[in-house]
Amino acid sequence: MAQTSMKYGFTGLIRSCIAGGLVEFANDYNGYIFKYDERGEVFAESTDGGDMRRLAESVGDFLNEVLLGEKGGGFYGQQWLQELREHGLV
């Protein structure tokens, strides 16, 4: 299981499973489960309230633009984005 030392990091990839037509592929320390649909669009579901939010058009876009990119600030906050910059990831 891949892990990061950053405070808001990914807990790693979890077992893929199909739930409600979506494939769960990852989770994080903030209580989100990441899923993609048949078109490949990525969503984040909050385990606290069940809210679902569309994050990216594909898993690749999610990894490159949200998790490890400039769009990460909009989801994880500016501190996350700053930490990515400090580690040379953005």
N, C-alpha and C. Protein backbone atom coordinates (compact mmCIF):
# COMPACT_ATOMS: atom_id res chain seq x y z
N MET A 1 0.84 -1.16 0.00
CA MET A 1 0.00 0.00 0.00
C MET A 1 0.90 1.24 0.00
N ALA A 2 0.72 2.12 -0.98
CA ALA A 2 1.52 3.33 -1.08
C ALA A 2 1.03 4.36 -0.07
N GLN A 3 1.97 5.02 0.59
CA GLN A 3 1.60 6.06 1.55
C GLN A 3 2.52 7.25 1.37
N THR A 4 2.07 8.39 1.84
CA THR A 4 2.87 9.60 1.78
C THR A 4 3.02 10.14 3.19
N SER A 5 4.07 10.92 3.41
CA SER A 5 4.28 11.48 4.74
C SER A 5 3.54 12.80 4.91
N MET A 6 2.97 13.33 3.84
CA MET A 6 2.26 14.59 3.94
C MET A 6 0.98 14.40 4.76
N LYS A 7 0.65 15.40 5.55
CA LYS A 7 -0.46 15.33 6.49
C LYS A 7 -1.78 14.96 5.83
N TYR A 8 -2.05 15.47 4.65
CA TYR A 8 -3.33 15.26 4.01
C TYR A 8 -3.26 14.17 2.95
N GLY A 9 -2.25 13.33 3.00
CA GLY A 9 -1.97 12.38 1.94
C GLY A 9 -2.98 11.27 1.76
N PHE A 10 -2.79 10.59 0.70
CA PHE A 10 -3.54 9.41 0.33
C PHE A 10 -3.20 8.28 1.27
N THR A 11 -4.17 7.52 1.72
CA THR A 11 -3.84 6.35 2.52
C THR A 11 -3.42 5.21 1.62
N GLY A 12 -3.68 5.32 0.36
CA GLY A 12 -3.24 4.31 -0.57
C GLY A 12 -4.39 3.71 -1.34
N LEU A 13 -4.03 2.84 -2.23
CA LEU A 13 -5.04 2.17 -3.03
C LEU A 13 -5.70 1.09 -2.20
N ILE A 14 -7.00 1.00 -2.36
CA ILE A 14 -7.75 -0.04 -1.66
C ILE A 14 -8.25 -1.05 -2.69
N ARG A 15 -8.79 -2.14 -2.22
CA ARG A 15 -9.37 -3.12 -3.13
C ARG A 15 -10.41 -2.46 -4.01
N SER A 16 -10.35 -2.71 -5.27
CA SER A 16 -11.37 -2.19 -6.18
C SER A 16 -12.66 -2.99 -5.99
N CYS A 17 -13.75 -2.28 -5.94
CA CYS A 17 -15.04 -2.96 -5.88
C CYS A 17 -16.08 -2.08 -6.53
N ILE A 18 -17.16 -2.69 -6.94
CA ILE A 18 -18.23 -1.96 -7.62
C ILE A 18 -19.33 -1.69 -6.61
N ALA A 19 -19.69 -0.43 -6.46
CA ALA A 19 -20.75 -0.03 -5.53
C ALA A 19 -21.63 1.00 -6.23
N GLY A 20 -22.86 0.65 -6.47
CA GLY A 20 -23.78 1.58 -7.11
C GLY A 20 -23.37 1.97 -8.52
N GLY A 21 -22.74 1.06 -9.24
CA GLY A 21 -22.32 1.35 -10.61
C GLY A 21 -20.99 2.08 -10.69
N LEU A 22 -20.37 2.37 -9.56
CA LEU A 22 -19.08 3.04 -9.53
C LEU A 22 -18.02 2.09 -9.00
N VAL A 23 -16.80 2.22 -9.49
CA VAL A 23 -15.70 1.40 -9.03
C VAL A 23 -14.90 2.19 -8.01
N GLU A 24 -14.80 1.68 -6.80
CA GLU A 24 -14.00 2.32 -5.76
C GLU A 24 -12.54 1.94 -5.99
N PHE A 25 -11.64 2.94 -6.00
CA PHE A 25 -10.25 2.62 -6.27
C PHE A 25 -9.27 3.18 -5.27
N ALA A 26 -9.69 4.08 -4.39
CA ALA A 26 -8.75 4.66 -3.43
C ALA A 26 -9.52 5.35 -2.31
N ASN A 27 -8.79 5.66 -1.22
CA ASN A 27 -9.36 6.45 -0.13
C ASN A 27 -8.27 7.36 0.42
N ASP A 28 -8.65 8.26 1.32
CA ASP A 28 -7.65 9.15 1.91
C ASP A 28 -7.92 9.38 3.39
N TYR A 29 -6.99 10.09 4.04
CA TYR A 29 -7.09 10.35 5.48
C TYR A 29 -8.24 11.26 5.85
N ASN A 30 -8.76 12.01 4.90
CA ASN A 30 -9.85 12.93 5.18
C ASN A 30 -11.22 12.27 5.15
N GLY A 31 -11.26 10.99 4.87
CA GLY A 31 -12.54 10.28 4.88
C GLY A 31 -13.25 10.28 3.54
N TYR A 32 -12.51 10.39 2.46
CA TYR A 32 -13.11 10.32 1.13
C TYR A 32 -12.80 8.97 0.50
N ILE A 33 -13.78 8.46 -0.24
CA ILE A 33 -13.58 7.28 -1.06
C ILE A 33 -13.66 7.76 -2.51
N PHE A 34 -12.66 7.38 -3.29
CA PHE A 34 -12.59 7.81 -4.68
C PHE A 34 -13.11 6.71 -5.58
N LYS A 35 -13.96 7.11 -6.53
CA LYS A 35 -14.64 6.17 -7.41
C LYS A 35 -14.63 6.71 -8.83
N TYR A 36 -14.74 5.80 -9.79
CA TYR A 36 -14.94 6.24 -11.16
C TYR A 36 -16.12 5.50 -11.77
N ASP A 37 -16.72 6.15 -12.77
CA ASP A 37 -17.90 5.57 -13.41
C ASP A 37 -17.52 4.94 -14.74
N GLU A 38 -18.53 4.51 -15.49
CA GLU A 38 -18.28 3.82 -16.76
C GLU A 38 -17.63 4.71 -17.80
N ARG A 39 -17.74 6.01 -17.66
CA ARG A 39 -17.08 6.96 -18.57
C ARG A 39 -15.65 7.27 -18.12
N GLY A 40 -15.31 6.84 -16.90
CA GLY A 40 -13.98 7.10 -16.37
C GLY A 40 -13.90 8.32 -15.48
N GLU A 41 -15.01 9.05 -15.33
CA GLU A 41 -15.01 10.25 -14.49
C GLU A 41 -14.81 9.86 -13.03
N VAL A 42 -14.03 10.68 -12.33
CA VAL A 42 -13.69 10.39 -10.93
C VAL A 42 -14.52 11.25 -9.99
N PHE A 43 -15.01 10.61 -8.93
CA PHE A 43 -15.82 11.26 -7.91
C PHE A 43 -15.22 10.98 -6.54
N ALA A 44 -15.46 11.89 -5.62
CA ALA A 44 -15.07 11.69 -4.22
C ALA A 44 -16.35 11.64 -3.40
N GLU A 45 -16.48 10.57 -2.62
CA GLU A 45 -17.63 10.43 -1.73
C GLU A 45 -17.16 10.59 -0.29
N SER A 46 -17.81 11.48 0.43
CA SER A 46 -17.49 11.70 1.84
C SER A 46 -18.07 10.57 2.68
N THR A 47 -17.23 9.95 3.51
CA THR A 47 -17.74 8.90 4.38
C THR A 47 -18.49 9.49 5.57
N ASP A 48 -18.34 10.79 5.81
CA ASP A 48 -19.06 11.44 6.91
C ASP A 48 -20.50 11.72 6.55
N GLY A 49 -20.72 12.28 5.37
CA GLY A 49 -22.08 12.68 5.02
C GLY A 49 -22.61 12.04 3.76
N GLY A 50 -21.76 11.32 3.04
CA GLY A 50 -22.20 10.67 1.81
C GLY A 50 -22.26 11.58 0.61
N ASP A 51 -21.84 12.85 0.77
CA ASP A 51 -21.85 13.77 -0.36
C ASP A 51 -20.90 13.26 -1.44
N MET A 52 -21.31 13.45 -2.70
CA MET A 52 -20.51 13.00 -3.83
C MET A 52 -20.12 14.23 -4.64
N ARG A 53 -18.84 14.31 -5.00
CA ARG A 53 -18.33 15.46 -5.73
C ARG A 53 -17.50 14.97 -6.92
N ARG A 54 -17.78 15.49 -8.12
CA ARG A 54 -17.02 15.14 -9.31
C ARG A 54 -15.69 15.89 -9.26
N LEU A 55 -14.58 15.16 -9.47
CA LEU A 55 -13.26 15.77 -9.38
C LEU A 55 -12.51 15.85 -10.69
N ALA A 56 -12.69 14.87 -11.56
CA ALA A 56 -11.88 14.83 -12.78
C ALA A 56 -12.56 13.99 -13.86
N GLU A 57 -12.12 14.21 -15.10
CA GLU A 57 -12.66 13.47 -16.23
C GLU A 57 -12.14 12.05 -16.32
N SER A 58 -11.00 11.77 -15.68
CA SER A 58 -10.41 10.44 -15.75
C SER A 58 -9.53 10.20 -14.52
N VAL A 59 -9.15 8.95 -14.31
CA VAL A 59 -8.25 8.63 -13.21
C VAL A 59 -6.91 9.32 -13.43
N GLY A 60 -6.43 9.35 -14.66
CA GLY A 60 -5.17 10.04 -14.97
C GLY A 60 -5.24 11.51 -14.63
N ASP A 61 -6.34 12.18 -15.00
CA ASP A 61 -6.51 13.59 -14.66
C ASP A 61 -6.59 13.78 -13.15
N PHE A 62 -7.26 12.87 -12.47
CA PHE A 62 -7.35 12.95 -11.02
C PHE A 62 -5.96 12.90 -10.40
N LEU A 63 -5.16 11.93 -10.79
CA LEU A 63 -3.82 11.78 -10.21
C LEU A 63 -2.93 12.96 -10.55
N ASN A 64 -2.92 13.37 -11.81
CA ASN A 64 -2.00 14.40 -12.27
C ASN A 64 -2.43 15.83 -11.97
N GLU A 65 -3.74 16.08 -11.99
CA GLU A 65 -4.22 17.45 -11.84
C GLU A 65 -4.81 17.75 -10.46
N VAL A 66 -5.42 16.75 -9.82
CA VAL A 66 -6.06 16.99 -8.52
C VAL A 66 -5.15 16.55 -7.38
N LEU A 67 -4.82 15.27 -7.34
CA LEU A 67 -4.02 14.75 -6.23
C LEU A 67 -2.63 15.37 -6.21
N LEU A 68 -1.98 15.45 -7.36
CA LEU A 68 -0.60 15.94 -7.42
C LEU A 68 -0.46 17.15 -8.33
N GLY A 69 -1.52 17.95 -8.46
CA GLY A 69 -1.47 19.09 -9.36
C GLY A 69 -2.13 20.33 -8.80
N GLU A 70 -2.19 21.33 -9.64
CA GLU A 70 -2.72 22.64 -9.26
C GLU A 70 -4.18 22.60 -8.80
N LYS A 71 -4.96 21.68 -9.32
CA LYS A 71 -6.37 21.60 -8.92
C LYS A 71 -6.53 21.00 -7.52
N GLY A 72 -5.46 20.48 -6.95
CA GLY A 72 -5.50 19.91 -5.62
C GLY A 72 -5.87 20.92 -4.55
N GLY A 73 -5.52 22.18 -4.78
CA GLY A 73 -5.86 23.23 -3.82
C GLY A 73 -7.35 23.42 -3.67
N GLY A 74 -8.09 23.20 -4.75
CA GLY A 74 -9.54 23.35 -4.70
C GLY A 74 -10.23 22.25 -3.92
N PHE A 75 -9.59 21.09 -3.83
CA PHE A 75 -10.20 19.97 -3.11
C PHE A 75 -9.58 19.80 -1.73
N TYR A 76 -8.27 19.75 -1.66
CA TYR A 76 -7.58 19.52 -0.39
C TYR A 76 -7.19 20.80 0.35
N GLY A 77 -7.27 21.93 -0.33
CA GLY A 77 -6.94 23.20 0.30
C GLY A 77 -5.56 23.70 -0.09
N GLN A 78 -5.33 24.95 0.20
CA GLN A 78 -4.08 25.60 -0.21
C GLN A 78 -2.86 25.06 0.52
N GLN A 79 -3.04 24.59 1.74
CA GLN A 79 -1.90 24.02 2.47
C GLN A 79 -1.40 22.77 1.76
N TRP A 80 -2.32 21.94 1.27
CA TRP A 80 -1.94 20.75 0.50
C TRP A 80 -1.13 21.15 -0.72
N LEU A 81 -1.63 22.15 -1.45
CA LEU A 81 -0.95 22.62 -2.64
C LEU A 81 0.44 23.15 -2.30
N GLN A 82 0.56 23.88 -1.20
CA GLN A 82 1.85 24.40 -0.78
C GLN A 82 2.82 23.26 -0.45
N GLU A 83 2.32 22.22 0.22
CA GLU A 83 3.17 21.07 0.54
C GLU A 83 3.63 20.36 -0.73
N LEU A 84 2.76 20.25 -1.72
CA LEU A 84 3.17 19.66 -2.99
C LEU A 84 4.30 20.48 -3.61
N ARG A 85 4.16 21.79 -3.57
CA ARG A 85 5.19 22.67 -4.12
C ARG A 85 6.52 22.50 -3.36
N GLU A 86 6.43 22.44 -2.03
CA GLU A 86 7.64 22.29 -1.22
C GLU A 86 8.36 20.98 -1.50
N HIS A 87 7.61 19.94 -1.90
CA HIS A 87 8.21 18.67 -2.22
C HIS A 87 8.57 18.54 -3.71
N GLY A 88 8.38 19.63 -4.45
CA GLY A 88 8.72 19.64 -5.87
C GLY A 88 7.79 18.84 -6.74
N LEU A 89 6.56 18.61 -6.28
CA LEU A 89 5.61 17.81 -7.05
C LEU A 89 4.73 18.63 -7.97
N VAL A 90 4.65 19.93 -7.73
CA VAL A 90 3.86 20.83 -8.57
C VAL A 90 4.77 21.89 -9.11
